[in-house]
Amino acid sequence: MEVAAVELRRQLLGLFARLLEYPEPESVGQARACEELLAEAAPEAAGYVGAFRRYLEGTPIGRVQEAYTAFFDLNPVCAPYIGYQLFGETYRRSVLMLALLDRYRAEGFEYTNRSELPDRISVVMRYASVSGDEDVVVEGLIPALRRMTGVEEGPPVDGRGPMGSGTPQLEGHSHGGHLEEGVLLEMTEGSTAGSGRRAFEALLTGIRLALEALWPAPRTVLPTGRALEVGEATRQNGNGRAEEA
């Protein structure tokens, strides 16, 4: 792969990671930079990121932050943890997090917010941006984003949620579902806050489309019941089935 293409991938992953973290005033410039980088490489993705950028430009940062919290941290359907999206809250997610930590140590990667879990999507993207690890993009990030954007069915929502038994849980689906009552209904379905929900949906869709365009290799996701292991790769055997390399 050309050096320019590799650098483009890394720049985008780093910007995506920042956009998926808690919004700050700098988020507008980061979204604009993403949009410009994607204009030729993945124009459809650029359109979705552009919609998110316009939302940031026209919305007070405090309201953006409220919408972010409602969309990601209080909604299990869009919980921003790849292990939770792939396996639900099971021991397989724990195995995945340990495997990710092994990869982080092997690459000398340290994420700044140690209170965050290692499978948070922004952490994994930041790691991939500095390491060039394509496995976690193809086998982890893309499948998780497909579930978060409703392209594929996600894990069953249990009573614990991605952060354990203390995590607030909501009924419904962030992509068209409806909450029964409460402040989060107002935040996510109201006339102004609903635009925040749609904006973050657009961001996730844009990121998914960008990754699918720039990592076009066939997605060989791990079979149900297995977690990503350090150094694991797959290939197609003569019968067209995936097997370990």
Protein backbone atom coordinates (compact mmCIF):
# COMPACT_ATOMS: atom_id res chain seq x y z
CA MET A 1 0.00 0.00 0.00
CA GLU A 2 1.25 3.48 -0.83
CA VAL A 3 2.63 5.57 2.00
CA ALA A 4 0.04 8.27 1.30
CA ALA A 5 -2.82 5.78 1.71
CA VAL A 6 -1.40 4.47 4.98
CA GLU A 7 -1.01 8.00 6.31
CA LEU A 8 -4.56 8.88 5.26
CA ARG A 9 -5.91 5.90 7.18
CA ARG A 10 -3.97 6.83 10.29
CA GLN A 11 -5.01 10.47 10.16
CA LEU A 12 -8.66 9.54 9.77
CA LEU A 13 -8.61 7.00 12.59
CA GLY A 14 -7.07 9.60 14.89
CA LEU A 15 -9.70 12.18 13.95
CA PHE A 16 -12.53 9.65 14.26
CA ALA A 17 -11.28 8.75 17.73
CA ARG A 18 -11.42 12.38 18.82
CA LEU A 19 -14.91 12.87 17.37
CA LEU A 20 -16.15 9.85 19.30
CA GLU A 21 -14.84 11.25 22.57
CA TYR A 22 -16.64 13.82 24.72
CA PRO A 23 -17.30 16.87 22.52
CA GLU A 24 -15.15 19.97 22.93
CA PRO A 25 -15.09 23.28 21.04
CA GLU A 26 -12.27 21.84 18.89
CA SER A 27 -14.62 19.13 17.59
CA VAL A 28 -15.85 21.42 14.80
CA GLY A 29 -12.37 21.74 13.30
CA GLN A 30 -11.78 18.01 13.65
CA ALA A 31 -15.02 17.23 11.83
CA ARG A 32 -14.09 19.68 9.08
CA ALA A 33 -10.67 18.04 8.71
CA CYS A 34 -12.33 14.61 8.41
CA GLU A 35 -14.73 15.90 5.79
CA GLU A 36 -11.88 17.34 3.71
CA LEU A 37 -9.81 14.14 3.91
CA LEU A 38 -12.81 12.03 2.89
CA ALA A 39 -13.94 14.26 0.02
CA GLU A 40 -12.04 12.21 -2.57
CA ALA A 41 -11.30 8.98 -0.70
CA ALA A 42 -14.88 8.27 0.43
CA PRO A 43 -17.31 10.97 -0.75
CA GLU A 44 -20.42 9.26 0.63
CA ALA A 45 -18.83 9.12 4.06
CA ALA A 46 -17.80 12.77 3.70
CA GLY A 47 -21.44 13.74 3.24
CA TYR A 48 -22.44 12.16 6.56
CA VAL A 49 -19.50 13.70 8.41
CA GLY A 50 -20.42 17.03 6.83
CA ALA A 51 -23.93 16.76 8.27
CA PHE A 52 -22.41 16.19 11.70
CA ARG A 53 -20.06 19.16 11.23
CA ARG A 54 -22.98 21.44 10.37
CA TYR A 55 -24.76 20.31 13.54
CA LEU A 56 -21.69 21.20 15.60
CA GLU A 57 -21.43 24.61 13.96
CA GLY A 58 -25.05 25.48 14.72
CA THR A 59 -25.41 24.06 18.23
CA PRO A 60 -24.08 25.33 21.59
CA ILE A 61 -21.37 23.03 22.92
CA GLY A 62 -23.32 22.32 26.11
CA ARG A 63 -26.25 20.94 24.13
CA VAL A 64 -23.89 18.85 21.99
CA GLN A 65 -22.39 17.37 25.14
CA GLU A 66 -25.84 16.54 26.51
CA ALA A 67 -26.79 14.84 23.25
CA TYR A 68 -23.52 12.87 23.29
CA THR A 69 -24.16 11.57 26.80
CA ALA A 70 -27.74 10.57 26.00
CA PHE A 71 -26.76 8.89 22.74
CA PHE A 72 -23.65 6.97 23.76
CA ASP A 73 -23.35 6.65 27.51
CA LEU A 74 -27.00 6.09 28.46
CA ASN A 75 -28.17 4.01 25.51
CA PRO A 76 -27.06 0.35 25.42
CA VAL A 77 -27.91 0.03 21.72
CA CYS A 78 -25.19 2.54 20.83
CA ALA A 79 -22.86 1.73 23.71
CA PRO A 80 -19.42 2.69 22.32
CA TYR A 81 -17.63 -0.53 23.27
CA ILE A 82 -16.67 -2.97 20.53
CA GLY A 83 -16.65 -5.95 22.89
CA TYR A 84 -20.17 -5.20 24.04
CA GLN A 85 -21.36 -4.75 20.45
CA LEU A 86 -19.79 -8.04 19.33
CA PHE A 87 -20.44 -10.28 22.32
CA GLY A 88 -22.80 -8.52 24.71
CA GLU A 89 -21.91 -8.47 28.40
CA THR A 90 -20.35 -11.96 28.48
CA TYR A 91 -17.00 -13.43 29.43
CA ARG A 92 -16.02 -13.22 25.75
CA ARG A 93 -15.97 -9.47 26.08
CA SER A 94 -13.57 -9.84 29.03
CA VAL A 95 -11.31 -12.05 26.91
CA LEU A 96 -11.35 -9.46 24.16
CA MET A 97 -10.41 -6.65 26.55
CA LEU A 98 -7.45 -8.67 27.85
CA ALA A 99 -6.36 -9.38 24.27
CA LEU A 100 -6.58 -5.68 23.44
CA LEU A 101 -4.48 -4.80 26.48
CA ASP A 102 -1.86 -7.29 25.29
CA ARG A 103 -1.77 -5.58 21.92
CA TYR A 104 -1.57 -2.15 23.50
CA ARG A 105 1.42 -3.20 25.60
CA ALA A 106 3.14 -4.86 22.64
CA GLU A 107 2.89 -1.63 20.64
CA GLY A 108 3.77 0.64 23.56
CA PHE A 109 0.36 2.28 23.32
CA GLU A 110 -0.97 4.01 26.41
CA TYR A 111 -4.38 5.61 26.40
CA THR A 112 -4.57 8.76 28.46
CA ASN A 113 -7.87 8.17 30.26
CA ARG A 114 -7.24 5.09 32.37
CA SER A 115 -10.77 5.22 33.72
CA GLU A 116 -11.94 4.12 30.27
CA LEU A 117 -12.27 0.46 29.33
CA PRO A 118 -9.85 -0.81 26.67
CA ASP A 119 -12.61 -1.75 24.24
CA ARG A 120 -14.16 1.73 24.05
CA ILE A 121 -14.37 2.47 20.36
CA SER A 122 -12.44 5.75 20.59
CA VAL A 123 -9.59 4.02 22.45
CA VAL A 124 -9.41 1.22 19.87
CA MET A 125 -9.41 3.75 17.03
CA ARG A 126 -6.64 5.76 18.64
CA TYR A 127 -4.60 2.59 19.07
CA ALA A 128 -5.18 1.58 15.43
CA SER A 129 -4.15 5.05 14.27
CA VAL A 130 -0.72 4.80 15.90
CA SER A 131 -0.08 1.07 15.41
CA GLY A 132 -1.49 0.43 11.94
CA ASP A 133 -3.19 -2.70 13.31
CA GLU A 134 -5.63 -3.64 10.56
CA ASP A 135 -7.01 -6.68 12.40
CA VAL A 136 -8.84 -4.57 14.96
CA VAL A 137 -10.28 -2.38 12.21
CA VAL A 138 -11.54 -5.21 10.01
CA GLU A 139 -12.54 -7.70 12.73
CA GLY A 140 -13.53 -5.28 15.48
CA LEU A 141 -14.33 -1.70 14.53
CA ILE A 142 -16.24 -2.31 11.30
CA PRO A 143 -18.50 -5.08 12.68
CA ALA A 144 -19.18 -3.02 15.82
CA LEU A 145 -20.08 0.05 13.76
CA ARG A 146 -22.37 -2.03 11.55
CA ARG A 147 -24.28 -3.00 14.67
CA MET A 148 -24.30 0.49 16.12
CA THR A 149 -25.76 1.87 12.88
CA GLY A 150 -28.39 -0.86 12.57
CA VAL A 151 -26.90 -2.56 9.49
CA GLU A 152 -26.51 -5.77 11.49
CA GLU A 153 -28.34 -6.98 14.56
CA GLY A 154 -26.56 -6.16 17.81
CA PRO A 155 -26.23 -8.18 21.01
CA PRO A 156 -29.23 -8.72 23.25
CA VAL A 157 -29.64 -5.91 25.78
CA ASP A 158 -29.44 -7.31 29.30
CA GLY A 159 -30.03 -5.59 32.60
CA ARG A 160 -26.40 -4.76 33.25
CA GLY A 161 -25.21 -2.80 30.26
CA PRO A 162 -21.64 -2.33 29.03
CA MET A 163 -20.33 -0.80 32.26
CA GLY A 164 -21.81 -3.31 34.70
CA SER A 165 -24.84 -3.49 36.95
CA GLY A 166 -24.81 0.21 37.79
CA THR A 167 -25.24 1.43 34.23
CA PRO A 168 -28.57 3.15 33.51
CA GLN A 169 -30.51 1.26 30.86
CA LEU A 170 -33.12 2.43 28.37
CA GLU A 171 -35.74 0.57 26.44
CA GLY A 172 -35.96 1.03 22.70
CA HIS A 173 -33.51 1.58 19.88
CA SER A 174 -31.63 4.78 19.12
CA HIS A 175 -32.31 4.33 15.40
CA GLY A 176 -36.04 4.93 15.40
CA GLY A 177 -37.08 3.48 18.77
CA HIS A 178 -38.96 5.47 21.39
CA LEU A 179 -38.43 5.82 25.10
CA GLU A 180 -41.48 5.58 27.30
CA GLU A 181 -40.88 8.58 29.56
CA GLY A 182 -38.29 10.69 31.36
CA VAL A 183 -35.74 13.37 30.62
CA LEU A 184 -33.91 11.27 28.04
CA LEU A 185 -37.08 11.01 26.01
CA GLU A 186 -37.14 14.80 25.89
CA MET A 187 -33.42 14.94 25.11
CA THR A 188 -33.48 12.41 22.29
CA GLU A 189 -36.94 12.84 20.80
CA GLY A 190 -37.56 16.56 21.34
CA SER A 191 -37.57 19.03 18.48
CA THR A 192 -34.07 20.33 19.18
CA ALA A 193 -32.42 17.38 20.89
CA GLY A 194 -33.66 15.01 18.21
CA SER A 195 -31.31 16.78 15.83
CA GLY A 196 -28.45 15.77 18.12
CA ARG A 197 -29.45 12.13 17.93
CA ARG A 198 -29.63 12.32 14.15
CA ALA A 199 -26.26 14.09 14.01
CA PHE A 200 -24.49 11.38 16.00
CA GLU A 201 -26.21 8.72 13.89
CA ALA A 202 -24.79 10.51 10.83
CA LEU A 203 -21.32 10.57 12.40
CA LEU A 204 -21.38 6.82 13.08
CA THR A 205 -22.64 6.11 9.58
CA GLY A 206 -19.96 8.29 8.04
CA ILE A 207 -17.22 6.58 10.03
CA ARG A 208 -18.54 3.13 9.10
CA LEU A 209 -18.69 4.01 5.40
CA ALA A 210 -15.17 5.45 5.54
CA LEU A 211 -13.71 2.35 7.16
CA GLU A 212 -15.51 0.06 4.71
CA ALA A 213 -14.19 2.11 1.79
CA LEU A 214 -10.60 2.35 3.02
CA TRP A 215 -10.33 -1.18 4.42
CA PRO A 216 -12.10 -3.00 1.56
CA ALA A 217 -10.71 -6.47 2.31
CA PRO A 218 -13.46 -9.06 2.93
CA ARG A 219 -14.59 -8.84 6.54
CA THR A 220 -13.92 -12.23 8.11
CA VAL A 221 -15.49 -11.70 11.49
CA LEU A 222 -14.86 -14.15 14.26
CA PRO A 223 -17.35 -17.00 14.64
CA THR A 224 -19.99 -16.58 17.29
CA GLY A 225 -18.62 -17.45 20.69
CA ARG A 226 -15.00 -16.57 19.97
CA ALA A 227 -13.10 -13.48 20.96
CA LEU A 228 -10.26 -11.80 19.11
CA GLU A 229 -6.95 -13.25 20.20
CA VAL A 230 -3.55 -11.63 20.00
CA GLY A 231 -2.02 -12.09 16.56
CA GLU A 232 -4.99 -14.01 15.20
CA ALA A 233 -5.57 -13.90 11.45
CA THR A 234 -7.79 -15.86 9.12
CA ARG A 235 -7.62 -17.12 5.58
CA GLN A 236 -10.01 -18.88 3.25
CA ASN A 237 -9.51 -22.60 2.77
CA GLY A 238 -10.41 -24.56 -0.35
CA ASN A 239 -14.03 -24.85 0.72
CA GLY A 240 -14.41 -21.11 1.15
CA ARG A 241 -14.49 -21.28 4.94
CA ALA A 242 -12.33 -19.20 7.24
CA GLU A 243 -9.59 -20.94 9.17
CA GLU A 244 -6.77 -19.74 11.37
CA ALA A 245 -3.56 -18.75 9.63
